[in-house]
Amino acid sequence: MFGQGAPGVSSGPGDRRRSSSSPPRCCRRTSATTGAARRYQEKKSSGTSALALGLAVIMVFLILAAQYEKWSLPLSVLLALPFGTFGALAAVWLRGCTNDVYFQIGLVTLLGLAAKNAILIVEFAVLKHARGPVGRRRRRSKPRGCASARS
């Protein structure tokens, strides 16, 4: 018995329907279970993308903690990621698109860009904090500038 799913339908519903219906009486002995290995791999790997994404976030947190040598700064970087994730998920849901491999690759790319942007913002804030307030530098530089202009 041969068959193919309708365009836009994943292999899961087709496999369930094929397994629930019995082959015709003339084909019961000769029907082959083609695609059994594919179905096995799909069932085994389903739901692992969330685990992989979670482990990636933990790895990024540990790398950023090593870079900044603090535990608090990587949290501010990682707090930017849910906004990009929920925005992409909402856009896909509102348009009625599917959550396929291409969307997941795009989501990882989007998360990388959002994390890069957040890292640049945090590094800029750390640099500005290390320099001190702007008002103090201006007050210190005015008398020196005035003293050199008088002489």
C-alpha atoms as a PDB file:
ATOM      1  CA  MET A   1       0.000   0.000   0.000  1.00  0.00           C
ATOM      2  CA  PHE A   2       1.514   3.332  -1.072  1.00  0.00           C
ATOM      3  CA  GLY A   3       0.448   6.796  -0.104  1.00  0.00           C
ATOM      4  CA  GLN A   4       1.585  10.318   0.428  1.00  0.00           C
ATOM      5  CA  GLY A   5       0.322  13.045   2.739  1.00  0.00           C
ATOM      6  CA  ALA A   6      -1.539  16.060   1.417  1.00  0.00           C
ATOM      7  CA  PRO A   7       0.525  19.199   0.746  1.00  0.00           C
ATOM      8  CA  GLY A   8       1.087  21.165   3.948  1.00  0.00           C
ATOM      9  CA  VAL A   9       0.335  18.208   6.217  1.00  0.00           C
ATOM     10  CA  SER A  10       3.158  16.735   8.282  1.00  0.00           C
ATOM     11  CA  SER A  11       3.913  13.031   8.336  1.00  0.00           C
ATOM     12  CA  GLY A  12       2.508  12.504  11.858  1.00  0.00           C
ATOM     13  CA  PRO A  13      -1.248  12.629  11.043  1.00  0.00           C
ATOM     14  CA  GLY A  14      -0.711  10.539   7.912  1.00  0.00           C
ATOM     15  CA  ASP A  15       1.162   7.876   9.872  1.00  0.00           C
ATOM     16  CA  ARG A  16      -1.581   7.732  12.512  1.00  0.00           C
ATOM     17  CA  ARG A  17      -4.271   7.363   9.876  1.00  0.00           C
ATOM     18  CA  ARG A  18      -2.307   4.710   7.983  1.00  0.00           C
ATOM     19  CA  SER A  19      -1.698   2.690  11.157  1.00  0.00           C
ATOM     20  CA  SER A  20      -5.344   2.922  12.247  1.00  0.00           C
ATOM     21  CA  SER A  21      -6.712   1.669   8.929  1.00  0.00           C
ATOM     22  CA  SER A  22      -6.102  -1.941   8.019  1.00  0.00           C
ATOM     23  CA  PRO A  23      -4.906  -2.864   4.527  1.00  0.00           C
ATOM     24  CA  PRO A  24      -7.386  -4.455   2.127  1.00  0.00           C
ATOM     25  CA  ARG A  25      -7.899  -8.206   2.426  1.00  0.00           C
ATOM     26  CA  CYS A  26      -5.882  -8.965  -0.694  1.00  0.00           C
ATOM     27  CA  CYS A  27      -2.804  -7.083   0.583  1.00  0.00           C
ATOM     28  CA  ARG A  28      -2.622  -8.229   4.194  1.00  0.00           C
ATOM     29  CA  ARG A  29       0.236 -10.674   3.695  1.00  0.00           C
ATOM     30  CA  THR A  30       2.206  -8.622   1.191  1.00  0.00           C
ATOM     31  CA  SER A  31       1.922  -5.119   2.657  1.00  0.00           C
ATOM     32  CA  ALA A  32       5.306  -3.780   3.693  1.00  0.00           C
ATOM     33  CA  THR A  33       5.989  -1.407   6.510  1.00  0.00           C
ATOM     34  CA  THR A  34       7.953   1.131   4.521  1.00  0.00           C
ATOM     35  CA  GLY A  35       8.925   4.224   6.408  1.00  0.00           C
ATOM     36  CA  ALA A  36       9.041   2.425   9.756  1.00  0.00           C
ATOM     37  CA  ALA A  37      12.561   3.676  10.428  1.00  0.00           C
ATOM     38  CA  ARG A  38      11.554   7.239   9.572  1.00  0.00           C
ATOM     39  CA  ARG A  39       8.520   7.055  11.847  1.00  0.00           C
ATOM     40  CA  TYR A  40      10.666   5.623  14.641  1.00  0.00           C
ATOM     41  CA  GLN A  41      13.200   8.456  14.310  1.00  0.00           C
ATOM     42  CA  GLU A  42      10.455  11.093  14.220  1.00  0.00           C
ATOM     43  CA  LYS A  43       8.820   9.717  17.368  1.00  0.00           C
ATOM     44  CA  LYS A  44      12.167   9.410  19.141  1.00  0.00           C
ATOM     45  CA  SER A  45      13.294  12.960  18.317  1.00  0.00           C
ATOM     46  CA  SER A  46       9.979  14.763  18.816  1.00  0.00           C
ATOM     47  CA  GLY A  47      10.067  17.411  21.509  1.00  0.00           C
ATOM     48  CA  THR A  48      13.851  17.608  21.725  1.00  0.00           C
ATOM     49  CA  SER A  49      14.122  21.119  20.254  1.00  0.00           C
ATOM     50  CA  ALA A  50      12.969  22.683  23.541  1.00  0.00           C
ATOM     51  CA  LEU A  51      15.594  20.680  25.425  1.00  0.00           C
ATOM     52  CA  ALA A  52      18.309  21.756  22.988  1.00  0.00           C
ATOM     53  CA  LEU A  53      17.247  25.402  23.249  1.00  0.00           C
ATOM     54  CA  GLY A  54      17.233  25.218  27.056  1.00  0.00           C
ATOM     55  CA  LEU A  55      20.717  23.710  27.151  1.00  0.00           C
ATOM     56  CA  ALA A  56      21.919  26.399  24.732  1.00  0.00           C
ATOM     57  CA  VAL A  57      20.623  29.142  27.053  1.00  0.00           C
ATOM     58  CA  ILE A  58      22.448  27.548  30.011  1.00  0.00           C
ATOM     59  CA  MET A  59      25.656  27.330  27.977  1.00  0.00           C
ATOM     60  CA  VAL A  60      25.368  30.986  26.900  1.00  0.00           C
ATOM     61  CA  PHE A  61      24.781  32.011  30.522  1.00  0.00           C
ATOM     62  CA  LEU A  62      27.898  30.183  31.692  1.00  0.00           C
ATOM     63  CA  ILE A  63      30.027  31.656  28.892  1.00  0.00           C
ATOM     64  CA  LEU A  64      28.820  35.177  29.673  1.00  0.00           C
ATOM     65  CA  ALA A  65      29.405  34.619  33.389  1.00  0.00           C
ATOM     66  CA  ALA A  66      32.988  33.673  32.602  1.00  0.00           C
ATOM     67  CA  GLN A  67      33.403  36.706  30.339  1.00  0.00           C
ATOM     68  CA  TYR A  68      32.031  39.267  32.800  1.00  0.00           C
ATOM     69  CA  GLU A  69      33.330  37.444  35.886  1.00  0.00           C
ATOM     70  CA  LYS A  70      29.995  38.119  37.583  1.00  0.00           C
ATOM     71  CA  TRP A  71      26.769  36.167  37.886  1.00  0.00           C
ATOM     72  CA  SER A  72      24.404  39.148  37.652  1.00  0.00           C
ATOM     73  CA  LEU A  73      25.383  40.692  34.301  1.00  0.00           C
ATOM     74  CA  PRO A  74      24.566  37.618  32.166  1.00  0.00           C
ATOM     75  CA  LEU A  75      21.039  37.688  33.593  1.00  0.00           C
ATOM     76  CA  SER A  76      20.482  41.143  32.111  1.00  0.00           C
ATOM     77  CA  VAL A  77      21.639  39.837  28.734  1.00  0.00           C
ATOM     78  CA  LEU A  78      19.391  36.773  28.917  1.00  0.00           C
ATOM     79  CA  LEU A  79      16.365  38.862  29.921  1.00  0.00           C
ATOM     80  CA  ALA A  80      16.336  40.327  26.397  1.00  0.00           C
ATOM     81  CA  LEU A  81      15.841  36.918  24.765  1.00  0.00           C
ATOM     82  CA  PRO A  82      12.200  36.198  25.733  1.00  0.00           C
ATOM     83  CA  PHE A  83      11.042  39.387  24.003  1.00  0.00           C
ATOM     84  CA  GLY A  84      12.469  38.260  20.675  1.00  0.00           C
ATOM     85  CA  THR A  85      11.217  34.713  21.160  1.00  0.00           C
ATOM     86  CA  PHE A  86       7.648  35.676  22.002  1.00  0.00           C
ATOM     87  CA  GLY A  87       7.579  38.241  19.197  1.00  0.00           C
ATOM     88  CA  ALA A  88       8.629  35.638  16.634  1.00  0.00           C
ATOM     89  CA  LEU A  89       6.208  33.032  18.009  1.00  0.00           C
ATOM     90  CA  ALA A  90       3.347  35.553  17.989  1.00  0.00           C
ATOM     91  CA  ALA A  91       4.100  36.562  14.393  1.00  0.00           C
ATOM     92  CA  VAL A  92       4.181  32.934  13.242  1.00  0.00           C
ATOM     93  CA  TRP A  93       0.991  32.114  15.151  1.00  0.00           C
ATOM     94  CA  LEU A  94      -0.881  35.171  13.827  1.00  0.00           C
ATOM     95  CA  ARG A  95       0.078  34.406  10.226  1.00  0.00           C
ATOM     96  CA  GLY A  96      -0.852  30.735  10.621  1.00  0.00           C
ATOM     97  CA  CYS A  97       2.578  29.434   9.614  1.00  0.00           C
ATOM     98  CA  THR A  98       4.029  26.144  10.779  1.00  0.00           C
ATOM     99  CA  ASN A  99       6.745  25.543  13.347  1.00  0.00           C
ATOM    100  CA  ASP A 100       9.097  23.708  11.015  1.00  0.00           C
ATOM    101  CA  VAL A 101      12.862  23.328  10.834  1.00  0.00           C
ATOM    102  CA  TYR A 102      13.296  26.587   8.914  1.00  0.00           C
ATOM    103  CA  PHE A 103      11.408  28.528  11.573  1.00  0.00           C
ATOM    104  CA  GLN A 104      13.527  26.978  14.324  1.00  0.00           C
ATOM    105  CA  ILE A 105      16.755  27.911  12.496  1.00  0.00           C
ATOM    106  CA  GLY A 106      15.450  31.451  12.067  1.00  0.00           C
ATOM    107  CA  LEU A 107      14.505  31.577  15.744  1.00  0.00           C
ATOM    108  CA  VAL A 108      17.999  30.552  16.802  1.00  0.00           C
ATOM    109  CA  THR A 109      19.433  33.229  14.480  1.00  0.00           C
ATOM    110  CA  LEU A 110      17.076  35.825  15.942  1.00  0.00           C
ATOM    111  CA  LEU A 111      18.064  34.845  19.464  1.00  0.00           C
ATOM    112  CA  GLY A 112      21.735  35.169  18.522  1.00  0.00           C
ATOM    113  CA  LEU A 113      21.192  38.680  17.173  1.00  0.00           C
ATOM    114  CA  ALA A 114      19.161  39.708  20.222  1.00  0.00           C
ATOM    115  CA  ALA A 115      21.849  38.351  22.544  1.00  0.00           C
ATOM    116  CA  LYS A 116      24.569  40.182  20.600  1.00  0.00           C
ATOM    117  CA  ASN A 117      22.646  43.437  20.865  1.00  0.00           C
ATOM    118  CA  ALA A 118      22.095  42.908  24.601  1.00  0.00           C
ATOM    119  CA  ILE A 119      25.797  42.115  25.114  1.00  0.00           C
ATOM    120  CA  LEU A 120      26.782  45.376  23.409  1.00  0.00           C
ATOM    121  CA  ILE A 121      24.347  47.348  25.571  1.00  0.00           C
ATOM    122  CA  VAL A 122      25.592  45.703  28.774  1.00  0.00           C
ATOM    123  CA  GLU A 123      29.252  46.285  27.837  1.00  0.00           C
ATOM    124  CA  PHE A 124      28.494  49.950  27.136  1.00  0.00           C
ATOM    125  CA  ALA A 125      26.725  50.286  30.504  1.00  0.00           C
ATOM    126  CA  VAL A 126      29.634  48.607  32.336  1.00  0.00           C
ATOM    127  CA  LEU A 127      32.090  50.955  30.618  1.00  0.00           C
ATOM    128  CA  LYS A 128      30.041  54.025  31.524  1.00  0.00           C
ATOM    129  CA  HIS A 129      29.668  52.814  35.109  1.00  0.00           C
ATOM    130  CA  ALA A 130      33.424  52.280  35.402  1.00  0.00           C
ATOM    131  CA  ARG A 131      34.113  55.844  34.212  1.00  0.00           C
ATOM    132  CA  GLY A 132      31.880  57.331  36.871  1.00  0.00           C
ATOM    133  CA  PRO A 133      29.207  60.010  36.642  1.00  0.00           C
ATOM    134  CA  VAL A 134      29.503  62.572  33.874  1.00  0.00           C
ATOM    135  CA  GLY A 135      28.877  65.522  36.202  1.00  0.00           C
ATOM    136  CA  ARG A 136      32.017  64.879  38.274  1.00  0.00           C
ATOM    137  CA  ARG A 137      34.295  64.910  35.256  1.00  0.00           C
ATOM    138  CA  ARG A 138      32.842  68.186  34.036  1.00  0.00           C
ATOM    139  CA  ARG A 139      33.268  69.870  37.421  1.00  0.00           C
ATOM    140  CA  ARG A 140      36.879  68.745  37.662  1.00  0.00           C
ATOM    141  CA  SER A 141      37.756  69.852  34.149  1.00  0.00           C
ATOM    142  CA  LYS A 142      36.289  73.376  34.429  1.00  0.00           C
ATOM    143  CA  PRO A 143      38.703  74.800  37.026  1.00  0.00           C
ATOM    144  CA  ARG A 144      41.701  73.334  35.240  1.00  0.00           C
ATOM    145  CA  GLY A 145      40.561  74.782  31.938  1.00  0.00           C
ATOM    146  CA  CYS A 146      39.849  78.162  33.512  1.00  0.00           C
ATOM    147  CA  ALA A 147      43.202  78.211  35.303  1.00  0.00           C
ATOM    148  CA  SER A 148      45.079  77.536  32.091  1.00  0.00           C
ATOM    149  CA  ALA A 149      43.135  80.201  30.213  1.00  0.00           C
ATOM    150  CA  ARG A 150      44.002  82.915  32.800  1.00  0.00           C
ATOM    151  CA  SER A 151      47.713  82.422  32.686  1.00  0.00           C
END
